[in-house]
């Protein structure tokens, strides 16, 4: 991602958090690009958001975000010689299950996607194509002078072996526990994971500081690690005493998604940028996009779900 442009979808998270800063740094305006955030997982249709890049120091407003959506593009997904045209639709018009999936994949509160506050969130999708594990999916986008393309795969399912809990190290916090997982990595290099957690009836949230990891150091091995509780993005403050922990009597569901290596690199670079507070005067961070002719990500998920009730 170029220094003076940001992806509107992540700008939306900052806007929803009502975080405002007065900045007086002047940067030259770069060339506007199209930004893709698209996903497909097994048993679900493709969902693609198409927006225009926005200058870092432009005004953050609901109107500016609304105007960032690109309308009238030609969007297709192909697999095994078959091509499917994606139609542009407001998320509020989709079936409830697809709205929930969009909220999960894009990290946007469901009420926003349902059209609250006068904001309309647009996606390109089709109900004629459902993802399958092992499939390779090509994305093609044409809009005015822009031609974009990308390829992603839905990896084979790669589930967790087991989940368990450990007590909080402080005896005074005996109502809190940490969640641990055991995972056996296949003996092929490049396996990657993105995870989300859900507590009781809350939404699924990705890991706050890092939601992805791969097998560069553990290829073919079995690992046992704690799994931080997912948190909504855009929070101004984190309660350090409660962060990462679950409570006794919680029902915890883990969404464990196998992703390919370009998909991993995208989220890893995005999270590195977020962890550096997105400072425009910090060391430059290059977002690892797999979109040819634009910015963003077209990514597949091979999803399994795992649940534990904390006694």
C-alpha atoms as a PDB file:
ATOM      1  CA  UNK A   1       0.000   0.000   0.000  1.00  0.00           C
ATOM      2  CA  UNK A   2       1.394   3.409  -0.873  1.00  0.00           C
ATOM      3  CA  UNK A   3       2.176   5.710   2.024  1.00  0.00           C
ATOM      4  CA  UNK A   4      -0.386   8.397   1.219  1.00  0.00           C
ATOM      5  CA  UNK A   5      -3.332   6.096   0.513  1.00  0.00           C
ATOM      6  CA  UNK A   6      -5.371   3.811   2.720  1.00  0.00           C
ATOM      7  CA  UNK A   7      -8.020   1.164   2.165  1.00  0.00           C
ATOM      8  CA  UNK A   8     -11.483   2.607   2.874  1.00  0.00           C
ATOM      9  CA  UNK A   9     -12.704  -0.575   4.559  1.00  0.00           C
ATOM     10  CA  UNK A  10     -10.135  -0.139   7.323  1.00  0.00           C
ATOM     11  CA  UNK A  11     -10.840   3.581   7.412  1.00  0.00           C
ATOM     12  CA  UNK A  12     -14.457   2.651   8.137  1.00  0.00           C
ATOM     13  CA  UNK A  13     -13.375   0.894  11.337  1.00  0.00           C
ATOM     14  CA  UNK A  14     -11.636   4.046  12.505  1.00  0.00           C
ATOM     15  CA  UNK A  15     -14.664   6.151  11.627  1.00  0.00           C
ATOM     16  CA  UNK A  16     -16.992   3.861  13.573  1.00  0.00           C
ATOM     17  CA  UNK A  17     -14.707   4.143  16.587  1.00  0.00           C
ATOM     18  CA  UNK A  18     -15.151   7.942  16.453  1.00  0.00           C
ATOM     19  CA  UNK A  19     -11.411   8.509  16.668  1.00  0.00           C
ATOM     20  CA  UNK A  20     -10.352  11.935  15.394  1.00  0.00           C
ATOM     21  CA  UNK A  21      -6.899  13.524  15.231  1.00  0.00           C
ATOM     22  CA  UNK A  22      -5.807  16.924  13.927  1.00  0.00           C
ATOM     23  CA  UNK A  23      -2.889  16.505  11.533  1.00  0.00           C
ATOM     24  CA  UNK A  24      -1.102  19.158   9.522  1.00  0.00           C
ATOM     25  CA  UNK A  25       1.311  17.041   7.477  1.00  0.00           C
ATOM     26  CA  UNK A  26       1.144  17.631   3.715  1.00  0.00           C
ATOM     27  CA  UNK A  27       1.815  14.738   1.375  1.00  0.00           C
ATOM     28  CA  UNK A  28       1.540  14.727  -2.405  1.00  0.00           C
ATOM     29  CA  UNK A  29      -1.590  13.103  -3.775  1.00  0.00           C
ATOM     30  CA  UNK A  30      -0.929   9.763  -5.439  1.00  0.00           C
ATOM     31  CA  UNK A  31      -2.830   8.122  -8.243  1.00  0.00           C
ATOM     32  CA  UNK A  32      -6.251   6.817  -7.275  1.00  0.00           C
ATOM     33  CA  UNK A  33      -6.472   3.031  -7.343  1.00  0.00           C
ATOM     34  CA  UNK A  34      -9.227   0.499  -6.905  1.00  0.00           C
ATOM     35  CA  UNK A  35      -9.213  -1.498  -3.690  1.00  0.00           C
ATOM     36  CA  UNK A  36     -10.567  -5.040  -3.386  1.00  0.00           C
ATOM     37  CA  UNK A  37     -11.490  -6.999  -0.308  1.00  0.00           C
ATOM     38  CA  UNK A  38     -13.038 -10.255  -1.413  1.00  0.00           C
ATOM     39  CA  UNK A  39     -13.503 -13.641   0.216  1.00  0.00           C
ATOM     40  CA  UNK A  40     -14.827 -17.077  -0.573  1.00  0.00           C
ATOM     41  CA  UNK A  41     -15.101 -20.084   1.739  1.00  0.00           C
ATOM     42  CA  UNK A  42     -16.429 -23.599   1.395  1.00  0.00           C
ATOM     43  CA  UNK A  43     -20.218 -23.797   1.206  1.00  0.00           C
ATOM     44  CA  UNK A  44     -20.626 -20.025   0.809  1.00  0.00           C
ATOM     45  CA  UNK A  45     -20.817 -17.576  -2.125  1.00  0.00           C
ATOM     46  CA  UNK A  46     -18.046 -15.121  -3.013  1.00  0.00           C
ATOM     47  CA  UNK A  47     -18.393 -11.636  -1.504  1.00  0.00           C
ATOM     48  CA  UNK A  48     -16.356  -8.766  -2.938  1.00  0.00           C
ATOM     49  CA  UNK A  49     -16.153  -5.138  -1.775  1.00  0.00           C
ATOM     50  CA  UNK A  50     -14.813  -2.696  -4.365  1.00  0.00           C
ATOM     51  CA  UNK A  51     -13.791   0.820  -3.328  1.00  0.00           C
ATOM     52  CA  UNK A  52     -11.533   3.661  -4.389  1.00  0.00           C
ATOM     53  CA  UNK A  53      -8.350   4.426  -2.495  1.00  0.00           C
ATOM     54  CA  UNK A  54      -8.595   7.436  -0.201  1.00  0.00           C
ATOM     55  CA  UNK A  55      -5.785   9.891   0.717  1.00  0.00           C
ATOM     56  CA  UNK A  56      -4.548   9.317   4.267  1.00  0.00           C
ATOM     57  CA  UNK A  57      -5.266  12.858   5.430  1.00  0.00           C
ATOM     58  CA  UNK A  58      -8.549  13.403   3.635  1.00  0.00           C
ATOM     59  CA  UNK A  59     -11.632  14.119   5.731  1.00  0.00           C
ATOM     60  CA  UNK A  60     -13.034  11.037   7.447  1.00  0.00           C
ATOM     61  CA  UNK A  61     -16.791  11.261   7.116  1.00  0.00           C
ATOM     62  CA  UNK A  62     -19.715   8.991   6.441  1.00  0.00           C
ATOM     63  CA  UNK A  63     -20.258  10.768   3.120  1.00  0.00           C
ATOM     64  CA  UNK A  64     -16.651  10.237   2.030  1.00  0.00           C
ATOM     65  CA  UNK A  65     -16.843   6.548   2.893  1.00  0.00           C
ATOM     66  CA  UNK A  66     -20.138   6.163   1.062  1.00  0.00           C
ATOM     67  CA  UNK A  67     -18.665   7.783  -2.033  1.00  0.00           C
ATOM     68  CA  UNK A  68     -15.666   5.431  -1.957  1.00  0.00           C
ATOM     69  CA  UNK A  69     -17.758   2.447  -3.138  1.00  0.00           C
ATOM     70  CA  UNK A  70     -17.288   1.660  -6.823  1.00  0.00           C
ATOM     71  CA  UNK A  71     -20.565   1.042  -8.649  1.00  0.00           C
ATOM     72  CA  UNK A  72     -21.250  -0.561 -11.997  1.00  0.00           C
ATOM     73  CA  UNK A  73     -18.075  -2.637 -12.259  1.00  0.00           C
ATOM     74  CA  UNK A  74     -17.927  -5.922 -14.166  1.00  0.00           C
ATOM     75  CA  UNK A  75     -16.902  -8.563 -11.619  1.00  0.00           C
ATOM     76  CA  UNK A  76     -16.434 -12.254 -12.438  1.00  0.00           C
ATOM     77  CA  UNK A  77     -15.135 -15.328 -10.624  1.00  0.00           C
ATOM     78  CA  UNK A  78     -13.929 -18.324 -12.621  1.00  0.00           C
ATOM     79  CA  UNK A  79     -13.140 -21.880 -11.582  1.00  0.00           C
ATOM     80  CA  UNK A  80     -12.354 -24.914 -13.738  1.00  0.00           C
ATOM     81  CA  UNK A  81     -13.350 -23.099 -16.915  1.00  0.00           C
ATOM     82  CA  UNK A  82     -16.721 -21.903 -15.578  1.00  0.00           C
ATOM     83  CA  UNK A  83     -17.306 -18.160 -15.145  1.00  0.00           C
ATOM     84  CA  UNK A  84     -19.805 -16.549 -12.770  1.00  0.00           C
ATOM     85  CA  UNK A  85     -20.876 -12.896 -12.880  1.00  0.00           C
ATOM     86  CA  UNK A  86     -21.189 -11.156  -9.508  1.00  0.00           C
ATOM     87  CA  UNK A  87     -24.000  -8.647  -9.090  1.00  0.00           C
ATOM     88  CA  UNK A  88     -23.736  -5.457  -7.081  1.00  0.00           C
ATOM     89  CA  UNK A  89     -26.089  -5.434  -4.105  1.00  0.00           C
ATOM     90  CA  UNK A  90     -26.473  -3.587  -0.802  1.00  0.00           C
ATOM     91  CA  UNK A  91     -25.658  -5.990   2.027  1.00  0.00           C
ATOM     92  CA  UNK A  92     -28.991  -5.148   3.684  1.00  0.00           C
ATOM     93  CA  UNK A  93     -30.753  -6.924   0.783  1.00  0.00           C
ATOM     94  CA  UNK A  94     -28.871 -10.221   1.259  1.00  0.00           C
ATOM     95  CA  UNK A  95     -30.255 -13.207   3.190  1.00  0.00           C
ATOM     96  CA  UNK A  96     -29.538 -13.072   6.917  1.00  0.00           C
ATOM     97  CA  UNK A  97     -26.889 -15.821   6.743  1.00  0.00           C
ATOM     98  CA  UNK A  98     -24.936 -13.946   4.062  1.00  0.00           C
ATOM     99  CA  UNK A  99     -25.172 -10.677   6.010  1.00  0.00           C
ATOM    100  CA  UNK A 100     -23.706 -12.396   9.041  1.00  0.00           C
ATOM    101  CA  UNK A 101     -20.928 -13.894   6.916  1.00  0.00           C
ATOM    102  CA  UNK A 102     -20.102 -10.468   5.457  1.00  0.00           C
ATOM    103  CA  UNK A 103     -19.993  -8.940   8.952  1.00  0.00           C
ATOM    104  CA  UNK A 104     -17.616 -11.690  10.073  1.00  0.00           C
ATOM    105  CA  UNK A 105     -15.289 -11.558   7.046  1.00  0.00           C
ATOM    106  CA  UNK A 106     -15.064  -7.768   6.864  1.00  0.00           C
ATOM    107  CA  UNK A 107     -15.085  -7.089  10.608  1.00  0.00           C
ATOM    108  CA  UNK A 108     -17.960  -4.606  10.271  1.00  0.00           C
ATOM    109  CA  UNK A 109     -20.764  -4.542  12.876  1.00  0.00           C
ATOM    110  CA  UNK A 110     -23.922  -6.207  11.563  1.00  0.00           C
ATOM    111  CA  UNK A 111     -26.054  -3.155  12.337  1.00  0.00           C
ATOM    112  CA  UNK A 112     -23.913  -1.097   9.939  1.00  0.00           C
ATOM    113  CA  UNK A 113     -24.321  -3.683   7.203  1.00  0.00           C
ATOM    114  CA  UNK A 114     -28.059  -3.727   7.840  1.00  0.00           C
ATOM    115  CA  UNK A 115     -28.185  -0.038   6.892  1.00  0.00           C
ATOM    116  CA  UNK A 116     -28.295   1.800  10.203  1.00  0.00           C
ATOM    117  CA  UNK A 117     -27.273   5.453  10.422  1.00  0.00           C
ATOM    118  CA  UNK A 118     -28.142   5.979   6.748  1.00  0.00           C
ATOM    119  CA  UNK A 119     -25.001   4.122   5.587  1.00  0.00           C
ATOM    120  CA  UNK A 120     -25.346   1.631   2.718  1.00  0.00           C
ATOM    121  CA  UNK A 121     -22.649  -1.019   2.390  1.00  0.00           C
ATOM    122  CA  UNK A 122     -22.315  -2.479  -1.132  1.00  0.00           C
ATOM    123  CA  UNK A 123     -20.875  -5.814  -2.230  1.00  0.00           C
ATOM    124  CA  UNK A 124     -20.614  -7.873  -5.404  1.00  0.00           C
ATOM    125  CA  UNK A 125     -21.839 -11.446  -5.006  1.00  0.00           C
ATOM    126  CA  UNK A 126     -23.747 -14.332  -6.589  1.00  0.00           C
ATOM    127  CA  UNK A 127     -25.784 -17.225  -5.251  1.00  0.00           C
ATOM    128  CA  UNK A 128     -24.837 -19.423  -8.243  1.00  0.00           C
ATOM    129  CA  UNK A 129     -21.379 -20.281  -6.935  1.00  0.00           C
ATOM    130  CA  UNK A 130     -20.443 -21.865  -3.608  1.00  0.00           C
ATOM    131  CA  UNK A 131     -16.846 -22.374  -2.593  1.00  0.00           C
ATOM    132  CA  UNK A 132     -15.301 -25.843  -2.324  1.00  0.00           C
ATOM    133  CA  UNK A 133     -12.122 -26.938  -0.543  1.00  0.00           C
ATOM    134  CA  UNK A 134      -9.242 -27.492  -2.913  1.00  0.00           C
ATOM    135  CA  UNK A 135     -10.662 -25.102  -5.497  1.00  0.00           C
ATOM    136  CA  UNK A 136      -8.667 -22.355  -7.232  1.00  0.00           C
ATOM    137  CA  UNK A 137     -10.709 -19.210  -7.920  1.00  0.00           C
ATOM    138  CA  UNK A 138      -9.788 -16.443 -10.355  1.00  0.00           C
ATOM    139  CA  UNK A 139     -11.244 -12.960  -9.819  1.00  0.00           C
ATOM    140  CA  UNK A 140     -11.569 -10.485 -12.724  1.00  0.00           C
ATOM    141  CA  UNK A 141     -12.723  -6.868 -12.373  1.00  0.00           C
ATOM    142  CA  UNK A 142     -13.208  -4.282 -15.106  1.00  0.00           C
ATOM    143  CA  UNK A 143     -14.215  -0.697 -14.379  1.00  0.00           C
ATOM    144  CA  UNK A 144     -13.535   2.251 -16.678  1.00  0.00           C
ATOM    145  CA  UNK A 145      -9.762   2.199 -17.317  1.00  0.00           C
ATOM    146  CA  UNK A 146      -9.094  -0.264 -14.473  1.00  0.00           C
ATOM    147  CA  UNK A 147      -8.506  -3.990 -15.047  1.00  0.00           C
ATOM    148  CA  UNK A 148      -7.847  -6.083 -11.935  1.00  0.00           C
ATOM    149  CA  UNK A 149      -7.258  -9.782 -11.404  1.00  0.00           C
ATOM    150  CA  UNK A 150      -6.282 -12.156  -8.621  1.00  0.00           C
ATOM    151  CA  UNK A 151      -6.227 -15.857  -7.790  1.00  0.00           C
ATOM    152  CA  UNK A 152      -6.868 -17.571  -4.482  1.00  0.00           C
ATOM    153  CA  UNK A 153      -7.443 -21.087  -3.227  1.00  0.00           C
ATOM    154  CA  UNK A 154      -9.615 -22.606  -0.534  1.00  0.00           C
ATOM    155  CA  UNK A 155      -7.140 -24.909   1.234  1.00  0.00           C
ATOM    156  CA  UNK A 156      -8.065 -28.315   2.546  1.00  0.00           C
ATOM    157  CA  UNK A 157      -9.494 -28.197   6.063  1.00  0.00           C
ATOM    158  CA  UNK A 158      -6.805 -28.148   8.723  1.00  0.00           C
ATOM    159  CA  UNK A 159      -8.586 -28.337  12.098  1.00  0.00           C
ATOM    160  CA  UNK A 160      -7.409 -27.913  15.675  1.00  0.00           C
ATOM    161  CA  UNK A 161      -6.656 -31.157  17.532  1.00  0.00           C
ATOM    162  CA  UNK A 162      -8.078 -29.993  20.865  1.00  0.00           C
ATOM    163  CA  UNK A 163      -8.927 -27.037  23.107  1.00  0.00           C
ATOM    164  CA  UNK A 164      -8.521 -26.656  26.865  1.00  0.00           C
ATOM    165  CA  UNK A 165      -8.141 -23.912  29.461  1.00  0.00           C
ATOM    166  CA  UNK A 166      -5.564 -22.853  32.039  1.00  0.00           C
ATOM    167  CA  UNK A 167      -6.256 -20.748  35.147  1.00  0.00           C
ATOM    168  CA  UNK A 168      -5.226 -17.095  35.358  1.00  0.00           C
ATOM    169  CA  UNK A 169      -1.744 -16.819  36.938  1.00  0.00           C
ATOM    170  CA  UNK A 170      -3.084 -14.357  39.523  1.00  0.00           C
ATOM    171  CA  UNK A 171      -5.133 -16.229  42.188  1.00  0.00           C
ATOM    172  CA  UNK A 172      -7.195 -13.066  42.685  1.00  0.00           C
ATOM    173  CA  UNK A 173      -8.453 -13.489  39.097  1.00  0.00           C
ATOM    174  CA  UNK A 174      -9.753 -17.026  39.625  1.00  0.00           C
ATOM    175  CA  UNK A 175     -12.836 -16.352  37.488  1.00  0.00           C
ATOM    176  CA  UNK A 176     -10.663 -15.949  34.368  1.00  0.00           C
ATOM    177  CA  UNK A 177      -8.961 -18.563  32.230  1.00  0.00           C
ATOM    178  CA  UNK A 178      -6.754 -18.594  29.160  1.00  0.00           C
ATOM    179  CA  UNK A 179      -7.652 -20.724  26.146  1.00  0.00           C
ATOM    180  CA  UNK A 180      -5.063 -23.146  24.783  1.00  0.00           C
ATOM    181  CA  UNK A 181      -5.025 -25.195  21.594  1.00  0.00           C
ATOM    182  CA  UNK A 182      -3.148 -28.181  20.218  1.00  0.00           C
ATOM    183  CA  UNK A 183      -2.520 -28.197  16.474  1.00  0.00           C
ATOM    184  CA  UNK A 184      -0.719 -30.664  14.204  1.00  0.00           C
ATOM    185  CA  UNK A 185       0.644 -29.069  11.057  1.00  0.00           C
ATOM    186  CA  UNK A 186       0.670 -31.069   7.799  1.00  0.00           C
ATOM    187  CA  UNK A 187       4.096 -32.018   6.466  1.00  0.00           C
ATOM    188  CA  UNK A 188       3.968 -29.486   3.621  1.00  0.00           C
ATOM    189  CA  UNK A 189       5.464 -26.008   3.905  1.00  0.00           C
ATOM    190  CA  UNK A 190       3.190 -22.981   3.542  1.00  0.00           C
ATOM    191  CA  UNK A 191       0.145 -23.951   5.622  1.00  0.00           C
ATOM    192  CA  UNK A 192      -1.381 -20.820   7.142  1.00  0.00           C
ATOM    193  CA  UNK A 193      -4.235 -20.068   9.522  1.00  0.00           C
ATOM    194  CA  UNK A 194      -6.473 -17.124  10.387  1.00  0.00           C
ATOM    195  CA  UNK A 195      -8.563 -17.478  13.544  1.00  0.00           C
ATOM    196  CA  UNK A 196     -11.562 -15.796  15.168  1.00  0.00           C
ATOM    197  CA  UNK A 197     -13.199 -16.400  18.548  1.00  0.00           C
ATOM    198  CA  UNK A 198     -16.788 -16.026  19.673  1.00  0.00           C
ATOM    199  CA  UNK A 199     -17.828 -15.747  23.314  1.00  0.00           C
ATOM    200  CA  UNK A 200     -21.416 -16.797  24.082  1.00  0.00           C
ATOM    201  CA  UNK A 201     -23.727 -14.781  21.795  1.00  0.00           C
ATOM    202  CA  UNK A 202     -21.137 -12.161  20.806  1.00  0.00           C
ATOM    203  CA  UNK A 203     -19.965 -11.900  17.180  1.00  0.00           C
ATOM    204  CA  UNK A 204     -16.808 -13.619  15.974  1.00  0.00           C
ATOM    205  CA  UNK A 205     -13.757 -11.368  16.347  1.00  0.00           C
ATOM    206  CA  UNK A 206     -10.244 -11.960  14.933  1.00  0.00           C
ATOM    207  CA  UNK A 207      -7.208 -11.905  17.171  1.00  0.00           C
ATOM    208  CA  UNK A 208      -6.559  -8.258  18.009  1.00  0.00           C
ATOM    209  CA  UNK A 209      -2.794  -7.971  17.537  1.00  0.00           C
ATOM    210  CA  UNK A 210      -2.332 -11.010  15.319  1.00  0.00           C
ATOM    211  CA  UNK A 211      -5.009 -13.216  13.819  1.00  0.00           C
ATOM    212  CA  UNK A 212      -2.745 -15.150  11.427  1.00  0.00           C
ATOM    213  CA  UNK A 213       0.225 -17.470  11.594  1.00  0.00           C
ATOM    214  CA  UNK A 214       1.923 -20.008   9.346  1.00  0.00           C
ATOM    215  CA  UNK A 215       4.154 -23.048   9.632  1.00  0.00           C
ATOM    216  CA  UNK A 216       7.492 -21.493   8.713  1.00  0.00           C
ATOM    217  CA  UNK A 217       8.978 -22.593  12.058  1.00  0.00           C
ATOM    218  CA  UNK A 218       6.779 -25.599  12.893  1.00  0.00           C
ATOM    219  CA  UNK A 219       6.265 -27.350   9.576  1.00  0.00           C
ATOM    220  CA  UNK A 220       4.999 -30.886  10.181  1.00  0.00           C
ATOM    221  CA  UNK A 221       5.109 -30.506  13.951  1.00  0.00           C
ATOM    222  CA  UNK A 222       2.594 -30.366  16.767  1.00  0.00           C
ATOM    223  CA  UNK A 223       2.297 -27.153  18.761  1.00  0.00           C
ATOM    224  CA  UNK A 224       0.540 -26.128  21.977  1.00  0.00           C
ATOM    225  CA  UNK A 225      -0.064 -22.414  22.499  1.00  0.00           C
ATOM    226  CA  UNK A 226      -2.501 -20.020  24.165  1.00  0.00           C
ATOM    227  CA  UNK A 227      -5.079 -18.437  21.860  1.00  0.00           C
ATOM    228  CA  UNK A 228      -5.934 -14.821  22.635  1.00  0.00           C
ATOM    229  CA  UNK A 229      -9.602 -13.891  22.762  1.00  0.00           C
ATOM    230  CA  UNK A 230     -10.621 -12.028  19.617  1.00  0.00           C
ATOM    231  CA  UNK A 231     -11.512  -8.364  19.999  1.00  0.00           C
ATOM    232  CA  UNK A 232     -13.372  -5.832  17.824  1.00  0.00           C
ATOM    233  CA  UNK A 233     -11.072  -3.561  15.829  1.00  0.00           C
ATOM    234  CA  UNK A 234     -10.952   0.177  16.409  1.00  0.00           C
ATOM    235  CA  UNK A 235     -11.031   0.138  20.212  1.00  0.00           C
ATOM    236  CA  UNK A 236      -9.446   3.182  21.815  1.00  0.00           C
ATOM    237  CA  UNK A 237      -8.360   1.330  24.969  1.00  0.00           C
ATOM    238  CA  UNK A 238      -7.691  -2.282  25.910  1.00  0.00           C
ATOM    239  CA  UNK A 239      -8.238  -3.562  29.441  1.00  0.00           C
ATOM    240  CA  UNK A 240      -4.844  -5.172  30.045  1.00  0.00           C
ATOM    241  CA  UNK A 241      -6.109  -7.184  33.012  1.00  0.00           C
ATOM    242  CA  UNK A 242      -8.896  -8.808  31.013  1.00  0.00           C
ATOM    243  CA  UNK A 243      -7.337  -8.903  27.537  1.00  0.00           C
ATOM    244  CA  UNK A 244      -7.031 -12.394  26.013  1.00  0.00           C
ATOM    245  CA  UNK A 245      -8.935 -14.135  28.842  1.00  0.00           C
ATOM    246  CA  UNK A 246     -12.296 -15.855  28.977  1.00  0.00           C
ATOM    247  CA  UNK A 247     -14.598 -16.228  31.962  1.00  0.00           C
ATOM    248  CA  UNK A 248     -15.827 -19.338  33.684  1.00  0.00           C
ATOM    249  CA  UNK A 249     -19.208 -20.472  32.296  1.00  0.00           C
ATOM    250  CA  UNK A 250     -18.389 -18.923  28.884  1.00  0.00           C
ATOM    251  CA  UNK A 251     -19.169 -20.939  25.764  1.00  0.00           C
ATOM    252  CA  UNK A 252     -16.280 -20.282  23.390  1.00  0.00           C
ATOM    253  CA  UNK A 253     -16.349 -21.036  19.672  1.00  0.00           C
ATOM    254  CA  UNK A 254     -13.195 -20.836  17.559  1.00  0.00           C
ATOM    255  CA  UNK A 255     -13.441 -20.218  13.824  1.00  0.00           C
ATOM    256  CA  UNK A 256     -10.244 -21.801  12.506  1.00  0.00           C
ATOM    257  CA  UNK A 257      -9.649 -20.932   8.850  1.00  0.00           C
ATOM    258  CA  UNK A 258      -6.968 -22.425   6.613  1.00  0.00           C
ATOM    259  CA  UNK A 259      -5.692 -19.799   4.155  1.00  0.00           C
ATOM    260  CA  UNK A 260      -3.082 -19.795   1.412  1.00  0.00           C
ATOM    261  CA  UNK A 261       0.266 -18.012   1.697  1.00  0.00           C
ATOM    262  CA  UNK A 262      -0.601 -14.777  -0.208  1.00  0.00           C
ATOM    263  CA  UNK A 263      -3.720 -14.442   1.982  1.00  0.00           C
ATOM    264  CA  UNK A 264      -1.559 -14.877   5.092  1.00  0.00           C
ATOM    265  CA  UNK A 265       0.932 -12.266   3.904  1.00  0.00           C
ATOM    266  CA  UNK A 266      -1.839  -9.736   3.350  1.00  0.00           C
ATOM    267  CA  UNK A 267      -3.276  -9.986   6.875  1.00  0.00           C
ATOM    268  CA  UNK A 268       0.171 -10.221   8.463  1.00  0.00           C
ATOM    269  CA  UNK A 269       1.267  -6.974   6.784  1.00  0.00           C
ATOM    270  CA  UNK A 270      -2.034  -5.232   7.608  1.00  0.00           C
ATOM    271  CA  UNK A 271      -1.765  -6.214  11.280  1.00  0.00           C
ATOM    272  CA  UNK A 272       1.863  -5.116  11.428  1.00  0.00           C
ATOM    273  CA  UNK A 273       0.695  -1.713  10.205  1.00  0.00           C
ATOM    274  CA  UNK A 274      -2.109  -1.574  12.783  1.00  0.00           C
ATOM    275  CA  UNK A 275       0.254  -2.551  15.580  1.00  0.00           C
ATOM    276  CA  UNK A 276       2.523   0.344  14.660  1.00  0.00           C
ATOM    277  CA  UNK A 277      -0.529   2.625  15.075  1.00  0.00           C
ATOM    278  CA  UNK A 278      -0.559   3.399  11.358  1.00  0.00           C
ATOM    279  CA  UNK A 279       1.796   6.329  11.871  1.00  0.00           C
ATOM    280  CA  UNK A 280       2.672   7.942   8.547  1.00  0.00           C
ATOM    281  CA  UNK A 281       6.110   8.895   9.931  1.00  0.00           C
ATOM    282  CA  UNK A 282       6.996   5.416  11.207  1.00  0.00           C
ATOM    283  CA  UNK A 283       8.927   2.865   9.180  1.00  0.00           C
ATOM    284  CA  UNK A 284       7.085   2.231   5.896  1.00  0.00           C
ATOM    285  CA  UNK A 285       4.971  -0.903   5.755  1.00  0.00           C
ATOM    286  CA  UNK A 286       4.273  -2.566   2.412  1.00  0.00           C
ATOM    287  CA  UNK A 287       0.900  -4.274   2.328  1.00  0.00           C
ATOM    288  CA  UNK A 288       1.276  -7.625   0.584  1.00  0.00           C
ATOM    289  CA  UNK A 289      -1.627  -7.464  -1.858  1.00  0.00           C
ATOM    290  CA  UNK A 290      -2.373 -10.259  -4.342  1.00  0.00           C
ATOM    291  CA  UNK A 291      -4.425  -7.959  -6.595  1.00  0.00           C
ATOM    292  CA  UNK A 292      -2.864  -7.291  -9.995  1.00  0.00           C
ATOM    293  CA  UNK A 293      -3.742  -3.781 -11.149  1.00  0.00           C
ATOM    294  CA  UNK A 294      -5.021  -2.626  -7.751  1.00  0.00           C
ATOM    295  CA  UNK A 295      -4.798  -2.987  -3.982  1.00  0.00           C
ATOM    296  CA  UNK A 296      -6.314  -5.318  -1.408  1.00  0.00           C
ATOM    297  CA  UNK A 297      -6.977  -9.048  -1.172  1.00  0.00           C
ATOM    298  CA  UNK A 298      -8.926 -11.850  -2.798  1.00  0.00           C
ATOM    299  CA  UNK A 299      -8.732 -14.661  -0.251  1.00  0.00           C
ATOM    300  CA  UNK A 300     -10.143 -18.139   0.333  1.00  0.00           C
ATOM    301  CA  UNK A 301     -11.014 -19.720   3.687  1.00  0.00           C
ATOM    302  CA  UNK A 302     -11.200 -23.427   4.560  1.00  0.00           C
ATOM    303  CA  UNK A 303     -13.150 -23.132   7.813  1.00  0.00           C
ATOM    304  CA  UNK A 304     -13.680 -25.472  10.741  1.00  0.00           C
ATOM    305  CA  UNK A 305     -15.416 -24.602  14.027  1.00  0.00           C
ATOM    306  CA  UNK A 306     -14.409 -25.779  17.491  1.00  0.00           C
ATOM    307  CA  UNK A 307     -16.285 -25.204  20.740  1.00  0.00           C
ATOM    308  CA  UNK A 308     -15.545 -25.501  24.435  1.00  0.00           C
ATOM    309  CA  UNK A 309     -17.738 -24.762  27.453  1.00  0.00           C
ATOM    310  CA  UNK A 310     -15.640 -23.426  30.317  1.00  0.00           C
ATOM    311  CA  UNK A 311     -16.696 -25.141  33.502  1.00  0.00           C
END
